[in-house]
Amino acid sequence: MNQETKIANELQKMLTENQIPVSVQEDINVLSEKLANGELTLGELENKDQFVVEVIQKAKNRIG
């Protein structure tokens, strides 16, 4: 499993656990689907909204 897929899975878990602020939930859901499908790389997320970047970082930290 590649890093994008791991992050996508963790983001979905975080959504299910209500660990993501409501203000970015829709964006995170779309981004996690794109990561899982290979339509987006982690590098491309660096220029996203700061709140989105913070959530991605939390997901990275959770998977180690």
PDB file of N, CA and C in Angstrom:
ATOM      1  N   MET A   1       0.851  -1.172   0.000  1.00  0.00           N
ATOM      2  CA  MET A   1       0.000   0.000   0.000  1.00  0.00           C
ATOM      3  C   MET A   1       0.903   1.243   0.000  1.00  0.00           C
ATOM      4  N   ASN A   2       0.662   2.160  -0.945  1.00  0.00           N
ATOM      5  CA  ASN A   2       1.508   3.348  -1.011  1.00  0.00           C
ATOM      6  C   ASN A   2       1.082   4.400   0.012  1.00  0.00           C
ATOM      7  N   GLN A   3       1.902   5.422   0.156  1.00  0.00           N
ATOM      8  CA  GLN A   3       1.664   6.455   1.173  1.00  0.00           C
ATOM      9  C   GLN A   3       0.338   7.185   0.936  1.00  0.00           C
ATOM     10  N   GLU A   4       0.015   7.484  -0.322  1.00  0.00           N
ATOM     11  CA  GLU A   4      -1.241   8.172  -0.624  1.00  0.00           C
ATOM     12  C   GLU A   4      -2.446   7.359  -0.165  1.00  0.00           C
ATOM     13  N   THR A   5      -2.407   6.060  -0.407  1.00  0.00           N
ATOM     14  CA  THR A   5      -3.517   5.194  -0.006  1.00  0.00           C
ATOM     15  C   THR A   5      -3.624   5.124   1.514  1.00  0.00           C
ATOM     16  N   LYS A   6      -2.488   5.032   2.180  1.00  0.00           N
ATOM     17  CA  LYS A   6      -2.499   5.001   3.648  1.00  0.00           C
ATOM     18  C   LYS A   6      -3.102   6.286   4.214  1.00  0.00           C
ATOM     19  N   ILE A   7      -2.697   7.418   3.664  1.00  0.00           N
ATOM     20  CA  ILE A   7      -3.228   8.704   4.124  1.00  0.00           C
ATOM     21  C   ILE A   7      -4.717   8.787   3.829  1.00  0.00           C
ATOM     22  N   ALA A   8      -5.129   8.355   2.638  1.00  0.00           N
ATOM     23  CA  ALA A   8      -6.551   8.374   2.276  1.00  0.00           C
ATOM     24  C   ALA A   8      -7.368   7.543   3.252  1.00  0.00           C
ATOM     25  N   ASN A   9      -6.878   6.365   3.585  1.00  0.00           N
ATOM     26  CA  ASN A   9      -7.584   5.502   4.540  1.00  0.00           C
ATOM     27  C   ASN A   9      -7.668   6.152   5.917  1.00  0.00           C
ATOM     28  N   GLU A  10      -6.580   6.762   6.337  1.00  0.00           N
ATOM     29  CA  GLU A  10      -6.567   7.412   7.647  1.00  0.00           C
ATOM     30  C   GLU A  10      -7.505   8.620   7.666  1.00  0.00           C
ATOM     31  N   LEU A  11      -7.549   9.357   6.576  1.00  0.00           N
ATOM     32  CA  LEU A  11      -8.468  10.499   6.501  1.00  0.00           C
ATOM     33  C   LEU A  11      -9.916  10.040   6.608  1.00  0.00           C
ATOM     34  N   GLN A  12     -10.229   8.924   5.964  1.00  0.00           N
ATOM     35  CA  GLN A  12     -11.593   8.399   6.057  1.00  0.00           C
ATOM     36  C   GLN A  12     -11.911   7.974   7.491  1.00  0.00           C
ATOM     37  N   LYS A  13     -10.933   7.369   8.170  1.00  0.00           N
ATOM     38  CA  LYS A  13     -11.125   7.004   9.581  1.00  0.00           C
ATOM     39  C   LYS A  13     -11.374   8.250  10.420  1.00  0.00           C
ATOM     40  N   MET A  14     -10.591   9.285  10.163  1.00  0.00           N
ATOM     41  CA  MET A  14     -10.727  10.526  10.913  1.00  0.00           C
ATOM     42  C   MET A  14     -12.094  11.164  10.668  1.00  0.00           C
ATOM     43  N   LEU A  15     -12.586  11.075   9.437  1.00  0.00           N
ATOM     44  CA  LEU A  15     -13.928  11.584   9.138  1.00  0.00           C
ATOM     45  C   LEU A  15     -14.976  10.807   9.922  1.00  0.00           C
ATOM     46  N   THR A  16     -14.836   9.490   9.923  1.00  0.00           N
ATOM     47  CA  THR A  16     -15.781   8.632  10.639  1.00  0.00           C
ATOM     48  C   THR A  16     -15.766   8.921  12.139  1.00  0.00           C
ATOM     49  N   GLU A  17     -14.581   9.193  12.668  1.00  0.00           N
ATOM     50  CA  GLU A  17     -14.417   9.474  14.098  1.00  0.00           C
ATOM     51  C   GLU A  17     -14.727  10.928  14.450  1.00  0.00           C
ATOM     52  N   ASN A  18     -15.143  11.701  13.451  1.00  0.00           N
ATOM     53  CA  ASN A  18     -15.463  13.121  13.638  1.00  0.00           C
ATOM     54  C   ASN A  18     -14.259  13.900  14.168  1.00  0.00           C
ATOM     55  N   GLN A  19     -13.069  13.566  13.663  1.00  0.00           N
ATOM     56  CA  GLN A  19     -11.822  14.208  14.084  1.00  0.00           C
ATOM     57  C   GLN A  19     -11.413  15.361  13.169  1.00  0.00           C
ATOM     58  N   ILE A  20     -12.242  15.640  12.161  1.00  0.00           N
ATOM     59  CA  ILE A  20     -11.922  16.674  11.179  1.00  0.00           C
ATOM     60  C   ILE A  20     -12.926  17.811  11.322  1.00  0.00           C
ATOM     61  N   PRO A  21     -12.434  19.058  11.377  1.00  0.00           N
ATOM     62  CA  PRO A  21     -13.351  20.188  11.501  1.00  0.00           C
ATOM     63  C   PRO A  21     -14.389  20.209  10.375  1.00  0.00           C
ATOM     64  N   VAL A  22     -15.596  20.567  10.731  1.00  0.00           N
ATOM     65  CA  VAL A  22     -16.703  20.592   9.773  1.00  0.00           C
ATOM     66  C   VAL A  22     -16.360  21.454   8.562  1.00  0.00           C
ATOM     67  N   SER A  23     -15.628  22.524   8.781  1.00  0.00           N
ATOM     68  CA  SER A  23     -15.316  23.469   7.710  1.00  0.00           C
ATOM     69  C   SER A  23     -14.506  22.858   6.568  1.00  0.00           C
ATOM     70  N   VAL A  24     -13.788  21.756   6.815  1.00  0.00           N
ATOM     71  CA  VAL A  24     -12.980  21.139   5.759  1.00  0.00           C
ATOM     72  C   VAL A  24     -13.369  19.692   5.468  1.00  0.00           C
ATOM     73  N   GLN A  25     -14.430  19.195   6.074  1.00  0.00           N
ATOM     74  CA  GLN A  25     -14.810  17.795   5.881  1.00  0.00           C
ATOM     75  C   GLN A  25     -15.076  17.452   4.419  1.00  0.00           C
ATOM     76  N   GLU A  26     -15.817  18.300   3.721  1.00  0.00           N
ATOM     77  CA  GLU A  26     -16.124  18.006   2.320  1.00  0.00           C
ATOM     78  C   GLU A  26     -14.854  17.974   1.481  1.00  0.00           C
ATOM     79  N   ASP A  27     -13.971  18.959   1.683  1.00  0.00           N
ATOM     80  CA  ASP A  27     -12.705  18.990   0.946  1.00  0.00           C
ATOM     81  C   ASP A  27     -11.871  17.752   1.238  1.00  0.00           C
ATOM     82  N   ILE A  28     -11.784  17.369   2.502  1.00  0.00           N
ATOM     83  CA  ILE A  28     -10.991  16.204   2.896  1.00  0.00           C
ATOM     84  C   ILE A  28     -11.566  14.932   2.285  1.00  0.00           C
ATOM     85  N   ASN A  29     -12.875  14.819   2.249  1.00  0.00           N
ATOM     86  CA  ASN A  29     -13.506  13.644   1.656  1.00  0.00           C
ATOM     87  C   ASN A  29     -13.131  13.529   0.181  1.00  0.00           C
ATOM     88  N   VAL A  30     -13.224  14.627  -0.551  1.00  0.00           N
ATOM     89  CA  VAL A  30     -12.876  14.631  -1.978  1.00  0.00           C
ATOM     90  C   VAL A  30     -11.393  14.319  -2.164  1.00  0.00           C
ATOM     91  N   LEU A  31     -10.546  14.965  -1.374  1.00  0.00           N
ATOM     92  CA  LEU A  31      -9.103  14.743  -1.493  1.00  0.00           C
ATOM     93  C   LEU A  31      -8.718  13.311  -1.161  1.00  0.00           C
ATOM     94  N   SER A  32      -9.346  12.726  -0.161  1.00  0.00           N
ATOM     95  CA  SER A  32      -9.004  11.343   0.200  1.00  0.00           C
ATOM     96  C   SER A  32      -9.401  10.380  -0.911  1.00  0.00           C
ATOM     97  N   GLU A  33     -10.519  10.644  -1.565  1.00  0.00           N
ATOM     98  CA  GLU A  33     -10.919   9.803  -2.701  1.00  0.00           C
ATOM     99  C   GLU A  33      -9.913   9.925  -3.838  1.00  0.00           C
ATOM    100  N   LYS A  34      -9.465  11.147  -4.115  1.00  0.00           N
ATOM    101  CA  LYS A  34      -8.482  11.356  -5.184  1.00  0.00           C
ATOM    102  C   LYS A  34      -7.142  10.713  -4.841  1.00  0.00           C
ATOM    103  N   LEU A  35      -6.737  10.791  -3.577  1.00  0.00           N
ATOM    104  CA  LEU A  35      -5.500  10.129  -3.155  1.00  0.00           C
ATOM    105  C   LEU A  35      -5.610   8.621  -3.342  1.00  0.00           C
ATOM    106  N   ALA A  36      -6.731   8.059  -2.923  1.00  0.00           N
ATOM    107  CA  ALA A  36      -6.933   6.610  -3.014  1.00  0.00           C
ATOM    108  C   ALA A  36      -6.966   6.136  -4.459  1.00  0.00           C
ATOM    109  N   ASN A  37      -7.491   6.978  -5.357  1.00  0.00           N
ATOM    110  CA  ASN A  37      -7.609   6.600  -6.766  1.00  0.00           C
ATOM    111  C   ASN A  37      -6.372   6.944  -7.584  1.00  0.00           C
ATOM    112  N   GLY A  38      -5.372   7.543  -6.959  1.00  0.00           N
ATOM    113  CA  GLY A  38      -4.157   7.904  -7.672  1.00  0.00           C
ATOM    114  C   GLY A  38      -4.289   9.160  -8.510  1.00  0.00           C
ATOM    115  N   GLU A  39      -5.340   9.931  -8.305  1.00  0.00           N
ATOM    116  CA  GLU A  39      -5.557  11.160  -9.062  1.00  0.00           C
ATOM    117  C   GLU A  39      -4.818  12.347  -8.456  1.00  0.00           C
ATOM    118  N   LEU A  40      -4.254  12.157  -7.275  1.00  0.00           N
ATOM    119  CA  LEU A  40      -3.607  13.232  -6.540  1.00  0.00           C
ATOM    120  C   LEU A  40      -2.448  12.649  -5.748  1.00  0.00           C
ATOM    121  N   THR A  41      -1.367  13.408  -5.645  1.00  0.00           N
ATOM    122  CA  THR A  41      -0.231  12.967  -4.837  1.00  0.00           C
ATOM    123  C   THR A  41      -0.135  13.835  -3.584  1.00  0.00           C
ATOM    124  N   LEU A  42       0.590  13.342  -2.602  1.00  0.00           N
ATOM    125  CA  LEU A  42       0.777  14.111  -1.372  1.00  0.00           C
ATOM    126  C   LEU A  42       1.495  15.428  -1.658  1.00  0.00           C
ATOM    127  N   GLY A  43       2.414  15.416  -2.599  1.00  0.00           N
ATOM    128  CA  GLY A  43       3.137  16.633  -2.964  1.00  0.00           C
ATOM    129  C   GLY A  43       2.223  17.723  -3.493  1.00  0.00           C
ATOM    130  N   GLU A  44       1.175  17.327  -4.176  1.00  0.00           N
ATOM    131  CA  GLU A  44       0.232  18.303  -4.729  1.00  0.00           C
ATOM    132  C   GLU A  44      -0.627  18.951  -3.651  1.00  0.00           C
ATOM    133  N   LEU A  45      -0.659  18.368  -2.477  1.00  0.00           N
ATOM    134  CA  LEU A  45      -1.485  18.905  -1.395  1.00  0.00           C
ATOM    135  C   LEU A  45      -0.815  20.055  -0.649  1.00  0.00           C
ATOM    136  N   GLU A  46       0.473  20.265  -0.898  1.00  0.00           N
ATOM    137  CA  GLU A  46       1.213  21.290  -0.168  1.00  0.00           C
ATOM    138  C   GLU A  46       0.675  22.694  -0.396  1.00  0.00           C
ATOM    139  N   ASN A  47       0.029  22.928  -1.536  1.00  0.00           N
ATOM    140  CA  ASN A  47      -0.470  24.262  -1.865  1.00  0.00           C
ATOM    141  C   ASN A  47      -1.947  24.437  -1.539  1.00  0.00           C
ATOM    142  N   LYS A  48      -2.513  23.514  -0.816  1.00  0.00           N
ATOM    143  CA  LYS A  48      -3.931  23.591  -0.455  1.00  0.00           C
ATOM    144  C   LYS A  48      -4.121  24.523   0.736  1.00  0.00           C
ATOM    145  N   ASP A  49      -5.365  24.739   1.080  1.00  0.00           N
ATOM    146  CA  ASP A  49      -5.750  25.548   2.236  1.00  0.00           C
ATOM    147  C   ASP A  49      -5.002  25.074   3.484  1.00  0.00           C
ATOM    148  N   GLN A  50      -4.604  26.005   4.323  1.00  0.00           N
ATOM    149  CA  GLN A  50      -3.825  25.673   5.518  1.00  0.00           C
ATOM    150  C   GLN A  50      -4.535  24.670   6.421  1.00  0.00           C
ATOM    151  N   PHE A  51      -5.853  24.779   6.556  1.00  0.00           N
ATOM    152  CA  PHE A  51      -6.601  23.840   7.393  1.00  0.00           C
ATOM    153  C   PHE A  51      -6.538  22.431   6.809  1.00  0.00           C
ATOM    154  N   VAL A  52      -6.585  22.337   5.488  1.00  0.00           N
ATOM    155  CA  VAL A  52      -6.481  21.038   4.822  1.00  0.00           C
ATOM    156  C   VAL A  52      -5.096  20.454   5.064  1.00  0.00           C
ATOM    157  N   VAL A  53      -4.074  21.270   4.918  1.00  0.00           N
ATOM    158  CA  VAL A  53      -2.695  20.822   5.138  1.00  0.00           C
ATOM    159  C   VAL A  53      -2.522  20.316   6.570  1.00  0.00           C
ATOM    160  N   GLU A  54      -3.114  21.004   7.537  1.00  0.00           N
ATOM    161  CA  GLU A  54      -3.015  20.573   8.939  1.00  0.00           C
ATOM    162  C   GLU A  54      -3.670  19.213   9.152  1.00  0.00           C
ATOM    163  N   VAL A  55      -4.811  18.991   8.527  1.00  0.00           N
ATOM    164  CA  VAL A  55      -5.501  17.703   8.666  1.00  0.00           C
ATOM    165  C   VAL A  55      -4.671  16.597   8.027  1.00  0.00           C
ATOM    166  N   ILE A  56      -4.092  16.866   6.873  1.00  0.00           N
ATOM    167  CA  ILE A  56      -3.230  15.879   6.207  1.00  0.00           C
ATOM    168  C   ILE A  56      -2.051  15.537   7.118  1.00  0.00           C
ATOM    169  N   GLN A  57      -1.464  16.544   7.746  1.00  0.00           N
ATOM    170  CA  GLN A  57      -0.338  16.309   8.659  1.00  0.00           C
ATOM    171  C   GLN A  57      -0.763  15.457   9.849  1.00  0.00           C
ATOM    172  N   LYS A  58      -1.936  15.706  10.389  1.00  0.00           N
ATOM    173  CA  LYS A  58      -2.444  14.888  11.499  1.00  0.00           C
ATOM    174  C   LYS A  58      -2.603  13.437  11.062  1.00  0.00           C
ATOM    175  N   ALA A  59      -3.103  13.230   9.851  1.00  0.00           N
ATOM    176  CA  ALA A  59      -3.264  11.866   9.339  1.00  0.00           C
ATOM    177  C   ALA A  59      -1.899  11.193   9.207  1.00  0.00           C
ATOM    178  N   LYS A  60      -0.911  11.927   8.701  1.00  0.00           N
ATOM    179  CA  LYS A  60       0.449  11.381   8.587  1.00  0.00           C
ATOM    180  C   LYS A  60       0.982  10.979   9.958  1.00  0.00           C
ATOM    181  N   ASN A  61       0.773  11.836  10.936  1.00  0.00           N
ATOM    182  CA  ASN A  61       1.255  11.548  12.292  1.00  0.00           C
ATOM    183  C   ASN A  61       0.566  10.325  12.881  1.00  0.00           C
ATOM    184  N   ARG A  62      -0.707  10.154  12.591  1.00  0.00           N
ATOM    185  CA  ARG A  62      -1.458   9.023  13.139  1.00  0.00           C
ATOM    186  C   ARG A  62      -0.987   7.686  12.576  1.00  0.00           C
ATOM    187  N   ILE A  63      -0.525   7.675  11.323  1.00  0.00           N
ATOM    188  CA  ILE A  63      -0.073   6.402  10.743  1.00  0.00           C
ATOM    189  C   ILE A  63       1.413   6.165  10.988  1.00  0.00           C
ATOM    190  N   GLY A  64       2.090   7.159  11.527  1.00  0.00           N
ATOM    191  CA  GLY A  64       3.489   6.984  11.885  1.00  0.00           C
ATOM    192  C   GLY A  64       4.374   7.413  10.823  1.00  0.00           C
TER     193      GLY A  64
END
